[in-house]
C-alpha atoms as a PDB file:
ATOM      1  CA  MET A   1     152.270 188.847 148.357  1.00  0.00           C
ATOM      2  CA  PRO A   2     154.479 186.180 146.685  1.00  0.00           C
ATOM      3  CA  THR A   3     156.064 187.003 143.372  1.00  0.00           C
ATOM      4  CA  ILE A   4     157.638 184.762 140.740  1.00  0.00           C
ATOM      5  CA  THR A   5     159.943 186.223 138.151  1.00  0.00           C
ATOM      6  CA  ARG A   6     160.799 184.195 135.068  1.00  0.00           C
ATOM      7  CA  SER A   7     162.966 185.088 132.125  1.00  0.00           C
ATOM      8  CA  ILE A   8     161.478 184.609 128.675  1.00  0.00           C
ATOM      9  CA  PRO A   9     163.790 184.284 125.646  1.00  0.00           C
ATOM     10  CA  ALA A  10     163.434 186.620 122.713  1.00  0.00           C
ATOM     11  CA  ALA A  11     161.591 185.528 119.571  1.00  0.00           C
ATOM     12  CA  LYS A  12     163.109 182.837 117.322  1.00  0.00           C
ATOM     13  CA  GLY A  13     165.452 184.077 114.686  1.00  0.00           C
ATOM     14  CA  ASP A  14     166.555 186.936 116.881  1.00  0.00           C
ATOM     15  CA  ALA A  15     170.314 187.022 117.433  1.00  0.00           C
ATOM     16  CA  SER A  16     169.783 187.509 121.128  1.00  0.00           C
ATOM     17  CA  ALA A  17     167.483 184.465 121.424  1.00  0.00           C
ATOM     18  CA  ARG A  18     169.969 182.721 123.698  1.00  0.00           C
ATOM     19  CA  LYS A  19     169.787 185.440 126.318  1.00  0.00           C
ATOM     20  CA  PRO A  20     166.742 186.191 128.437  1.00  0.00           C
ATOM     21  CA  THR A  21     165.366 189.537 127.399  1.00  0.00           C
ATOM     22  CA  LYS A  22     162.008 189.831 129.155  1.00  0.00           C
ATOM     23  CA  ASN A  23     160.801 189.197 132.680  1.00  0.00           C
ATOM     24  CA  LEU A  24     157.382 187.869 133.517  1.00  0.00           C
ATOM     25  CA  THR A  25     156.111 188.639 137.008  1.00  0.00           C
ATOM     26  CA  VAL A  26     153.242 186.632 138.463  1.00  0.00           C
ATOM     27  CA  THR A  27     151.558 187.517 141.742  1.00  0.00           C
ATOM     28  CA  TRP A  28     148.685 185.849 143.568  1.00  0.00           C
ATOM     29  CA  ASP A  29     146.601 186.459 146.630  1.00  0.00           C
ATOM     30  CA  THR A  30     147.435 184.215 149.581  1.00  0.00           C
ATOM     31  CA  ASN A  31     144.517 185.380 151.712  1.00  0.00           C
ATOM     32  CA  PRO A  32     143.284 182.262 153.574  1.00  0.00           C
ATOM     33  CA  LEU A  33     139.719 183.587 153.507  1.00  0.00           C
ATOM     34  CA  ALA A  34     139.758 183.500 149.699  1.00  0.00           C
ATOM     35  CA  THR A  35     139.753 179.682 149.711  1.00  0.00           C
ATOM     36  CA  THR A  36     137.007 179.208 152.308  1.00  0.00           C
ATOM     37  CA  THR A  37     134.258 180.059 149.839  1.00  0.00           C
ATOM     38  CA  ASN A  38     135.084 177.027 147.689  1.00  0.00           C
ATOM     39  CA  LYS A  39     133.777 174.435 150.145  1.00  0.00           C
ATOM     40  CA  LYS A  40     131.910 171.530 148.588  1.00  0.00           C
ATOM     41  CA  ILE A  41     128.719 170.289 150.214  1.00  0.00           C
ATOM     42  CA  LEU A  42     127.944 166.644 149.526  1.00  0.00           C
ATOM     43  CA  THR A  43     124.423 165.311 149.261  1.00  0.00           C
ATOM     44  CA  PHE A  44     123.376 161.959 150.713  1.00  0.00           C
ATOM     45  CA  ASP A  45     123.625 160.407 147.231  1.00  0.00           C
ATOM     46  CA  GLU A  46     127.230 161.631 146.861  1.00  0.00           C
ATOM     47  CA  LEU A  47     128.471 160.095 150.130  1.00  0.00           C
ATOM     48  CA  PRO A  48     129.170 156.620 148.624  1.00  0.00           C
ATOM     49  CA  GLU A  49     131.523 158.246 146.093  1.00  0.00           C
ATOM     50  CA  HIS A  50     133.536 159.451 149.089  1.00  0.00           C
ATOM     51  CA  GLY A  51     133.680 156.130 150.926  1.00  0.00           C
ATOM     52  CA  VAL A  52     130.559 156.371 153.102  1.00  0.00           C
ATOM     53  CA  ASN A  53     128.067 153.576 152.368  1.00  0.00           C
ATOM     54  CA  LEU A  54     125.671 154.003 155.279  1.00  0.00           C
ATOM     55  CA  GLY A  55     121.921 154.452 155.432  1.00  0.00           C
ATOM     56  CA  ARG A  56     120.162 157.619 156.557  1.00  0.00           C
ATOM     57  CA  LYS A  57     119.184 156.211 159.971  1.00  0.00           C
ATOM     58  CA  GLN A  58     122.688 154.946 160.680  1.00  0.00           C
ATOM     59  CA  LEU A  59     124.155 158.332 159.732  1.00  0.00           C
ATOM     60  CA  ALA A  60     121.713 160.045 162.103  1.00  0.00           C
ATOM     61  CA  ARG A  61     122.715 157.672 164.933  1.00  0.00           C
ATOM     62  CA  LEU A  62     126.420 158.267 164.331  1.00  0.00           C
ATOM     63  CA  GLU A  63     125.913 162.046 164.162  1.00  0.00           C
ATOM     64  CA  ALA A  64     123.961 162.001 167.438  1.00  0.00           C
ATOM     65  CA  ALA A  65     126.775 160.003 169.067  1.00  0.00           C
ATOM     66  CA  GLY A  66     129.401 162.437 167.747  1.00  0.00           C
ATOM     67  CA  LYS A  67     130.990 159.739 165.583  1.00  0.00           C
ATOM     68  CA  PHE A  68     130.209 161.306 162.204  1.00  0.00           C
ATOM     69  CA  PRO A  69     130.395 164.900 160.924  1.00  0.00           C
ATOM     70  CA  GLN A  70     127.269 166.959 161.527  1.00  0.00           C
ATOM     71  CA  ARG A  71     124.998 167.667 158.593  1.00  0.00           C
ATOM     72  CA  ILE A  72     124.416 171.163 157.241  1.00  0.00           C
ATOM     73  CA  GLN A  73     120.934 172.496 156.593  1.00  0.00           C
ATOM     74  CA  VAL A  74     121.322 173.834 153.044  1.00  0.00           C
ATOM     75  CA  SER A  75     117.671 174.826 152.652  1.00  0.00           C
ATOM     76  CA  GLU A  76     114.348 173.999 154.256  1.00  0.00           C
ATOM     77  CA  HIS A  77     114.249 170.494 152.732  1.00  0.00           C
ATOM     78  CA  ARG A  78     117.881 169.868 151.785  1.00  0.00           C
ATOM     79  CA  ILE A  79     120.841 168.718 153.893  1.00  0.00           C
ATOM     80  CA  GLY A  80     124.456 167.988 153.121  1.00  0.00           C
ATOM     81  CA  TRP A  81     127.883 167.397 154.597  1.00  0.00           C
ATOM     82  CA  LEU A  82     131.133 169.277 154.043  1.00  0.00           C
ATOM     83  CA  ALA A  83     133.356 167.238 151.728  1.00  0.00           C
ATOM     84  CA  GLU A  84     136.496 168.106 153.695  1.00  0.00           C
ATOM     85  CA  GLU A  85     134.909 166.843 156.932  1.00  0.00           C
ATOM     86  CA  ILE A  86     133.807 163.608 155.240  1.00  0.00           C
ATOM     87  CA  LYS A  87     137.328 163.118 153.857  1.00  0.00           C
ATOM     88  CA  ALA A  88     138.819 163.743 157.311  1.00  0.00           C
ATOM     89  CA  HIS A  89     136.365 161.252 158.853  1.00  0.00           C
ATOM     90  CA  VAL A  90     137.210 158.544 156.302  1.00  0.00           C
ATOM     91  CA  ASP A  91     140.947 159.215 156.744  1.00  0.00           C
ATOM     92  CA  ALA A  92     140.548 158.937 160.540  1.00  0.00           C
ATOM     93  CA  GLN A  93     138.750 155.611 160.148  1.00  0.00           C
ATOM     94  CA  ILE A  94     141.581 154.313 157.972  1.00  0.00           C
ATOM     95  CA  GLU A  95     144.190 155.588 160.439  1.00  0.00           C
ATOM     96  CA  GLN A  96     142.352 153.942 163.332  1.00  0.00           C
ATOM     97  CA  ARG A  97     142.278 150.637 161.439  1.00  0.00           C
ATOM     98  CA  ASN A  98     146.020 150.831 160.772  1.00  0.00           C
ATOM     99  CA  LYS A  99     146.937 151.196 164.461  1.00  0.00           C
END
């Protein structure tokens, strides 16, 4: 587990204020599974905010052809797309254009 140690000066007015007198130790969890629970699912209405201005039928066609990230069934009547997959798709489109 990574650790950062930082010296903190003594309180103002103290004669030893110029010398570090305390150490602060900060640790954090670097477990990769801890970050996987923070995935954002975008709704159809949020796609334009992320650079995707396509209709529902066109998205379905592109998904079926494997040219767009697959939707996620969030509930019985709700679908969405993973924000990181949408970002990767848009970035790939930009990269392809720049070739």
